[in-house]
Amino acid sequence: MTELSVHMAPFGTRYVPGPGTDYLQDLENVGMSLRGWRSGTADGDEPDDESPLIYRSWSDGAMGIFGTDTGASSVDIDAEVTHDLLAVGIPLGDEAPVFRLASSPFSGQGLDVFCLPRGSRLQIATRRNGLRSVAMLVHLDSLNGACETADWAFPSIIRKIRSERGLFSAKVPLPLTVQRTARAVIDGAPSDAFPRLYRRAKMAELLWLVMEHLRREDREPDRDPPISRQARDGIERVRRTIAEDPSRNATTEELGRIAGMNRTKLRSLFKLIHGVTMFEYRQAIIMKCADEMLREPDFSIAEIGYRLGYGEPSSFNIAYKRFYGRAPGQVRRRR
C-alpha cells in the first residue's frame, strides 16, 4: 500500500486534493513508490472549480500510463523507483516541470526520456501553472514483449538505456502527434464506458508513436542534408507568425516571403523541422485554443468557433471532432 509523507503547509498556501487510490495503486504496481505528493495554490487562492483536478491512470504491472492535470495548483512529487524503468514524460502545459535525479535539476520543453534504475529517486516540481502532463512507465525487462520486437530494432537511445541501466535523462523534440494522443488521455474516453480499456489503448498508441519518433531521430542525420542557420531562422519566423495569430489563414506565398524562401522549400523544411505540415501545426494550435476556451463558461460553442475563424458553428464542430474524436458539446458537458 502506498504511503504518502505528511508536509506542513507553508503560510499562505491552500492544499488541494491529490490523486486517488486507483492512480496511486497503478503507480505502485508499475514500480513507482510515492514518498510524497504535495499540491496547492499560492497565496491561499481558491482552486478553480471550472478546471477540476484530473488524475487518470492504467497499469498492468509491467507498464502504465498516468495523465495528470492539476490546473493552477503547483505540485511537489517525491518518488522511489522499485523496478528498472523506462519513463517517458509528455508535457502538455505552458510550464515545463523541473525534474531532479541524483540532486541534478533539469527542465525545458520537449519529450523527456529517462532510465530510472531500481532504488533511484525522482522528484518533480512545478511552481506557478501546475502540472499538465502524461507519463508512461515501462519495466525495462518487459520492453521486448510490450513492443514485440528484438533488441536491435529499438531506437539507439532505448538500446543505450537497456544496456547501461544507470540514471539517464534526455530531451528530444516533441511531435504534435504525440501531444495530441497524450491530450486524449487527459480528456478521457469519449463515453463513460470502459475508461481503463481506453487508457490501455492510448498507452499502446503512445508507446508506438514515441518509438517511431525516436527511430526517425536516429535516421535524420543520414537521410537529410544539414539545414542552415538562416533557413532555420526563417522557419522559426513562420512558426511564430502562425502561433501568434492562428485564426489568420496566411497564404503560403505570404509565409514564404516571411521565411525568405520559395513555397516548395518552405513546406519541405517546415515539416522536416517540426514533423507536421504548416496546416497541421496551425490546426493543432487552433484546437488547443478551442479546448482551453471550452473550459470557460463565458463562451458559447458557436462564439468559440467564430473567434477561431470558423464561419459556421457546424464547421467548427466537425473540425474539433475530427481532431479530438469527440464533439465540443460533449467536452463542455463533461466539464
Protein backbone atom coordinates (compact mmCIF):
# COMPACT_ATOMS: atom_id res chain seq x y z
CA MET A 1 0.00 0.00 0.00
CA THR A 2 1.39 3.42 -0.93
CA GLU A 3 2.19 5.71 1.99
CA LEU A 4 2.38 9.46 1.48
CA SER A 5 4.51 11.56 3.76
CA VAL A 6 2.83 14.48 5.53
CA HIS A 7 4.08 18.04 4.91
CA MET A 8 3.41 21.16 6.91
CA ALA A 9 1.68 23.75 4.75
CA PRO A 10 3.72 26.92 4.15
CA PHE A 11 1.98 30.09 5.26
CA GLY A 12 -0.45 31.39 2.63
CA THR A 13 -0.74 28.08 0.76
CA ARG A 14 -4.00 26.20 0.32
CA TYR A 15 -3.61 22.49 -0.32
CA VAL A 16 -5.86 20.80 -2.88
CA PRO A 17 -6.75 17.09 -3.22
CA GLY A 18 -4.09 14.77 -4.61
CA PRO A 19 -4.54 11.61 -6.69
CA GLY A 20 -6.97 8.93 -5.64
CA THR A 21 -6.42 5.31 -4.69
CA ASP A 22 -6.57 3.85 -8.23
CA TYR A 23 -3.91 6.25 -9.50
CA LEU A 24 -1.63 5.61 -6.53
CA GLN A 25 -2.09 1.85 -6.79
CA ASP A 26 -1.29 1.88 -10.50
CA LEU A 27 1.91 3.80 -9.78
CA GLU A 28 2.84 1.30 -7.08
CA ASN A 29 2.11 -1.67 -9.35
CA VAL A 30 4.29 -0.42 -12.19
CA GLY A 31 7.25 0.35 -9.92
CA MET A 32 6.94 3.91 -8.61
CA SER A 33 6.51 4.21 -4.85
CA LEU A 34 5.43 7.68 -3.77
CA ARG A 35 7.17 9.15 -0.73
CA GLY A 36 5.28 12.43 -1.01
CA TRP A 37 2.81 14.34 -3.17
CA ARG A 38 2.08 17.92 -2.22
CA SER A 39 -0.13 20.24 -4.27
CA GLY A 40 -1.59 23.63 -3.51
CA THR A 41 -2.44 27.10 -4.74
CA ALA A 42 -0.27 30.08 -3.90
CA ASP A 43 -1.35 32.84 -1.53
CA GLY A 44 -4.35 30.86 -0.32
CA ASP A 45 -6.24 31.21 -3.62
CA GLU A 46 -9.28 29.02 -4.02
CA PRO A 47 -8.90 26.19 -6.59
CA ASP A 48 -10.59 26.97 -9.91
CA ASP A 49 -13.80 24.93 -9.94
CA GLU A 50 -14.03 25.35 -13.72
CA SER A 51 -10.77 23.41 -14.11
CA PRO A 52 -11.17 20.29 -11.93
CA LEU A 53 -8.11 18.28 -10.95
CA ILE A 54 -7.60 15.29 -13.25
CA TYR A 55 -5.79 12.06 -12.36
CA ARG A 56 -6.17 9.24 -14.91
CA SER A 57 -4.20 6.00 -14.90
CA TRP A 58 -3.90 2.43 -16.14
CA SER A 59 -1.31 -0.26 -15.37
CA ASP A 60 -0.94 -3.99 -15.94
CA GLY A 61 2.10 -4.24 -13.65
CA ALA A 62 4.65 -4.23 -16.50
CA MET A 63 3.74 -0.82 -17.89
CA GLY A 64 1.39 2.02 -17.12
CA ILE A 65 0.14 5.41 -18.23
CA PHE A 66 -0.62 8.39 -16.00
CA GLY A 67 -2.43 11.57 -17.04
CA THR A 68 -2.22 14.46 -14.60
CA ASP A 69 -3.74 17.93 -14.71
CA THR A 70 -3.54 19.97 -11.51
CA GLY A 71 -4.90 23.14 -13.10
CA ALA A 72 -3.24 26.16 -11.48
CA SER A 73 -2.13 24.15 -8.44
CA SER A 74 1.62 23.70 -8.06
CA VAL A 75 2.94 20.27 -7.14
CA ASP A 76 5.98 18.72 -5.48
CA ILE A 77 6.36 14.98 -6.03
CA ASP A 78 8.93 12.66 -4.49
CA ALA A 79 9.04 9.03 -5.65
CA GLU A 80 11.26 5.99 -5.18
CA VAL A 81 11.69 3.53 -8.05
CA THR A 82 11.21 -0.19 -7.28
CA HIS A 83 11.93 -1.64 -10.77
CA ASP A 84 14.29 -0.71 -13.61
CA LEU A 85 12.04 1.62 -15.60
CA LEU A 86 11.91 3.38 -18.92
CA ALA A 87 9.98 6.60 -18.25
CA VAL A 88 8.65 8.99 -20.89
CA GLY A 89 7.23 12.37 -19.90
CA ILE A 90 4.97 14.30 -22.29
CA PRO A 91 4.36 17.88 -21.12
CA LEU A 92 1.09 19.46 -22.21
CA GLY A 93 1.09 22.69 -20.20
CA ASP A 94 2.78 26.06 -20.61
CA GLU A 95 5.24 25.38 -17.80
CA ALA A 96 7.80 22.60 -18.14
CA PRO A 97 8.15 20.68 -14.86
CA VAL A 98 11.50 20.64 -13.09
CA PHE A 99 12.93 17.13 -12.66
CA ARG A 100 15.60 16.17 -10.16
CA LEU A 101 17.64 12.99 -10.49
CA ALA A 102 20.61 12.39 -8.19
CA SER A 103 20.35 16.01 -6.98
CA SER A 104 20.76 17.42 -10.52
CA PRO A 105 17.74 19.51 -11.59
CA PHE A 106 16.85 19.99 -15.26
CA SER A 107 13.91 21.41 -17.15
CA GLY A 108 12.83 22.66 -20.57
CA GLN A 109 10.21 21.95 -23.22
CA GLY A 110 10.33 18.68 -25.14
CA LEU A 111 9.78 14.95 -24.82
CA ASP A 112 11.56 13.65 -21.70
CA VAL A 113 13.10 10.16 -21.82
CA PHE A 114 14.50 8.63 -18.62
CA CYS A 115 16.12 5.50 -17.35
CA LEU A 116 15.16 5.09 -13.70
CA PRO A 117 17.03 2.15 -12.15
CA ARG A 118 15.67 0.31 -9.14
CA GLY A 119 16.36 2.22 -5.91
CA SER A 120 16.69 5.65 -7.57
CA ARG A 121 14.60 8.67 -6.61
CA LEU A 122 12.75 11.04 -8.91
CA GLN A 123 11.50 14.45 -7.78
CA ILE A 124 9.18 16.60 -9.88
CA ALA A 125 8.16 20.18 -9.12
CA THR A 126 6.14 22.94 -10.75
CA ARG A 127 5.59 26.42 -9.41
CA ARG A 128 3.00 28.72 -10.97
CA ASN A 129 0.98 26.92 -13.64
CA GLY A 130 0.54 23.45 -12.24
CA LEU A 131 1.32 20.09 -13.81
CA ARG A 132 -0.38 19.06 -17.06
CA SER A 133 1.35 16.04 -18.49
CA VAL A 134 1.18 12.37 -19.38
CA ALA A 135 3.80 9.88 -18.22
CA MET A 136 4.48 6.36 -19.48
CA LEU A 137 6.37 3.86 -17.33
CA VAL A 138 7.62 0.52 -18.70
CA HIS A 139 9.69 -2.17 -17.00
CA LEU A 140 12.93 -2.48 -18.97
CA ASP A 141 12.70 -6.27 -18.77
CA SER A 142 9.20 -6.15 -20.29
CA LEU A 143 10.02 -3.78 -23.14
CA ASN A 144 10.67 -6.50 -25.74
CA GLY A 145 7.34 -8.11 -25.00
CA ALA A 146 5.46 -4.82 -24.91
CA CYS A 147 6.89 -3.73 -28.28
CA GLU A 148 7.04 -7.28 -29.71
CA THR A 149 10.46 -6.69 -31.20
CA ALA A 150 14.12 -7.65 -30.80
CA ASP A 151 16.83 -5.54 -29.15
CA TRP A 152 18.42 -4.47 -32.44
CA ALA A 153 15.16 -2.90 -33.67
CA PHE A 154 14.91 -0.41 -30.81
CA PRO A 155 16.00 3.23 -31.30
CA SER A 156 19.59 3.93 -30.23
CA ILE A 157 18.55 5.84 -27.10
CA ILE A 158 16.47 2.85 -25.92
CA ARG A 159 19.31 0.41 -26.65
CA LYS A 160 21.63 2.61 -24.57
CA ILE A 161 19.15 2.68 -21.68
CA ARG A 162 18.63 -1.10 -21.78
CA SER A 163 22.33 -1.91 -21.89
CA GLU A 164 23.62 0.57 -19.28
CA ARG A 165 20.66 0.69 -16.86
CA GLY A 166 22.01 3.70 -14.99
CA LEU A 167 20.41 7.07 -14.23
CA PHE A 168 19.84 8.72 -17.58
CA SER A 169 17.77 11.58 -18.97
CA ALA A 170 17.40 13.04 -22.44
CA LYS A 171 15.18 15.63 -24.06
CA VAL A 172 14.14 15.28 -27.70
CA PRO A 173 11.71 17.27 -29.89
CA LEU A 174 8.06 16.66 -29.02
CA PRO A 175 5.93 15.92 -32.12
CA LEU A 176 2.34 17.10 -32.29
CA THR A 177 1.09 13.55 -32.92
CA VAL A 178 2.40 12.52 -29.51
CA GLN A 179 0.97 15.65 -27.86
CA ARG A 180 -2.43 15.05 -29.43
CA THR A 181 -2.65 11.44 -28.25
CA ALA A 182 -1.41 12.38 -24.78
CA ARG A 183 -4.03 15.12 -24.56
CA ALA A 184 -6.70 12.49 -25.27
CA VAL A 185 -5.57 10.66 -22.12
CA ILE A 186 -6.15 13.81 -20.06
CA ASP A 187 -9.52 14.48 -21.69
CA GLY A 188 -10.73 10.93 -21.03
CA ALA A 189 -12.74 8.41 -23.04
CA PRO A 190 -15.44 9.69 -25.43
CA SER A 191 -18.04 7.88 -23.29
CA ASP A 192 -18.17 6.79 -19.68
CA ALA A 193 -17.94 3.13 -20.71
CA PHE A 194 -14.63 1.23 -20.47
CA PRO A 195 -12.39 4.12 -19.32
CA ARG A 196 -9.46 1.88 -18.35
CA LEU A 197 -9.68 -0.02 -21.63
CA TYR A 198 -9.46 3.36 -23.38
CA ARG A 199 -6.32 4.33 -21.42
CA ARG A 200 -4.73 0.93 -22.11
CA ALA A 201 -5.29 1.52 -25.83
CA LYS A 202 -3.76 5.00 -25.56
CA MET A 203 -0.75 3.51 -23.76
CA ALA A 204 -0.09 1.22 -26.73
CA GLU A 205 -0.65 4.03 -29.22
CA LEU A 206 1.68 6.43 -27.39
CA LEU A 207 4.39 3.81 -26.96
CA TRP A 208 4.31 3.14 -30.72
CA LEU A 209 4.37 6.85 -31.57
CA VAL A 210 7.31 7.51 -29.24
CA MET A 211 9.32 4.55 -30.56
CA GLU A 212 8.70 5.60 -34.16
CA HIS A 213 9.66 9.18 -33.37
CA LEU A 214 12.92 8.09 -31.72
CA ARG A 215 13.71 5.86 -34.71
CA ARG A 216 13.19 8.81 -37.06
CA GLU A 217 15.50 10.87 -34.87
CA ASP A 218 18.15 8.19 -35.47
CA ARG A 219 17.72 8.36 -39.23
CA GLU A 220 17.54 12.15 -39.61
CA PRO A 221 21.30 12.90 -39.82
CA ASP A 222 21.95 10.32 -42.56
CA ARG A 223 18.82 11.00 -44.56
CA ASP A 224 18.72 14.77 -44.79
CA PRO A 225 21.35 17.42 -45.54
CA PRO A 226 22.20 19.96 -42.81
CA ILE A 227 19.80 22.90 -42.51
CA SER A 228 21.47 26.31 -42.48
CA ARG A 229 21.00 28.70 -39.57
CA GLN A 230 19.43 31.20 -41.97
CA ALA A 231 16.84 28.64 -43.10
CA ARG A 232 16.08 27.62 -39.51
CA ASP A 233 15.59 31.27 -38.55
CA GLY A 234 13.20 31.69 -41.48
CA ILE A 235 11.16 28.65 -40.46
CA GLU A 236 11.07 29.94 -36.87
CA ARG A 237 9.69 33.29 -38.08
CA VAL A 238 6.93 31.40 -39.90
CA ARG A 239 6.18 29.27 -36.85
CA ARG A 240 5.87 32.37 -34.65
CA THR A 241 3.64 34.06 -37.22
CA ILE A 242 1.27 31.10 -37.20
CA ALA A 243 1.35 30.70 -33.41
CA GLU A 244 0.72 34.37 -32.63
CA ASP A 245 -2.47 34.54 -34.72
CA PRO A 246 -3.62 31.05 -35.78
CA SER A 247 -7.10 32.29 -36.77
CA ARG A 248 -5.46 34.31 -39.59
CA ASN A 249 -5.07 31.93 -42.52
CA ALA A 250 -1.97 33.39 -44.18
CA THR A 251 -1.18 32.16 -47.70
CA THR A 252 1.87 30.05 -48.45
CA GLU A 253 3.22 32.88 -50.63
CA GLU A 254 2.99 35.31 -47.70
CA LEU A 255 4.67 32.87 -45.33
CA GLY A 256 7.36 32.21 -47.95
CA ARG A 257 8.19 35.92 -48.01
CA ILE A 258 8.44 35.90 -44.21
CA ALA A 259 10.79 32.89 -44.36
CA GLY A 260 12.77 34.24 -47.31
CA MET A 261 12.35 31.09 -49.40
CA ASN A 262 10.10 29.63 -52.09
CA ARG A 263 6.92 27.69 -51.29
CA THR A 264 8.35 24.24 -52.02
CA LYS A 265 11.35 24.73 -49.76
CA LEU A 266 9.18 26.27 -47.04
CA ARG A 267 6.77 23.31 -46.99
CA SER A 268 9.60 20.79 -47.02
CA LEU A 269 11.73 22.40 -44.30
CA PHE A 270 8.79 23.18 -42.01
CA LYS A 271 7.70 19.54 -41.97
CA LEU A 272 11.29 18.33 -41.61
CA ILE A 273 11.93 20.55 -38.58
CA HIS A 274 8.53 20.31 -36.86
CA GLY A 275 7.31 16.89 -38.03
CA VAL A 276 3.98 18.27 -39.32
CA THR A 277 2.81 20.48 -42.15
CA MET A 278 2.10 24.17 -41.62
CA PHE A 279 -1.63 23.45 -41.87
CA GLU A 280 -1.39 20.69 -39.25
CA TYR A 281 0.63 22.96 -36.95
CA ARG A 282 -1.88 25.80 -37.29
CA GLN A 283 -4.79 23.40 -36.77
CA ALA A 284 -3.22 21.98 -33.60
CA ILE A 285 -2.84 25.47 -32.11
CA ILE A 286 -6.43 26.38 -33.02
CA MET A 287 -7.72 23.18 -31.43
CA LYS A 288 -5.64 23.80 -28.30
CA CYS A 289 -7.17 27.29 -28.05
CA ALA A 290 -10.62 25.77 -28.56
CA ASP A 291 -10.02 23.22 -25.82
CA GLU A 292 -8.94 25.95 -23.41
CA MET A 293 -11.93 28.16 -24.28
CA LEU A 294 -14.32 25.26 -23.68
CA ARG A 295 -13.16 25.37 -20.06
CA GLU A 296 -14.54 28.91 -19.78
CA PRO A 297 -18.32 29.15 -19.26
CA ASP A 298 -18.33 32.71 -20.65
CA PHE A 299 -18.00 31.48 -24.26
CA SER A 300 -20.70 29.60 -26.13
CA ILE A 301 -19.55 26.91 -28.54
CA ALA A 302 -20.68 29.00 -31.50
CA GLU A 303 -18.76 32.03 -30.21
CA ILE A 304 -15.61 29.94 -29.79
CA GLY A 305 -15.89 28.83 -33.41
CA TYR A 306 -16.32 32.40 -34.65
CA ARG A 307 -13.40 33.66 -32.59
CA LEU A 308 -11.17 30.97 -34.07
CA GLY A 309 -12.07 31.81 -37.64
CA TYR A 310 -14.90 29.40 -38.43
CA GLY A 311 -17.76 31.00 -40.34
CA GLU A 312 -20.29 28.36 -39.29
CA PRO A 313 -20.65 26.53 -35.97
CA SER A 314 -21.03 23.25 -37.86
CA SER A 315 -17.59 23.71 -39.46
CA PHE A 316 -16.04 24.21 -36.03
CA ASN A 317 -17.86 21.17 -34.62
CA ILE A 318 -16.64 18.97 -37.48
CA ALA A 319 -13.03 20.19 -37.18
CA TYR A 320 -12.96 19.74 -33.40
CA LYS A 321 -14.44 16.24 -33.58
CA ARG A 322 -12.02 15.22 -36.33
CA PHE A 323 -9.09 16.42 -34.21
CA TYR A 324 -10.11 15.15 -30.74
CA GLY A 325 -12.52 12.34 -31.59
CA ARG A 326 -15.49 13.94 -29.83
CA ALA A 327 -17.78 16.91 -30.35
CA PRO A 328 -17.18 20.14 -28.41
CA GLY A 329 -20.65 19.80 -26.85
CA GLN A 330 -19.59 16.50 -25.26
CA VAL A 331 -16.49 18.13 -23.80
CA ARG A 332 -18.48 21.09 -22.44
CA ARG A 333 -20.97 18.79 -20.73
CA ARG A 334 -18.19 16.73 -19.11
CA ARG A 335 -16.68 19.89 -17.64
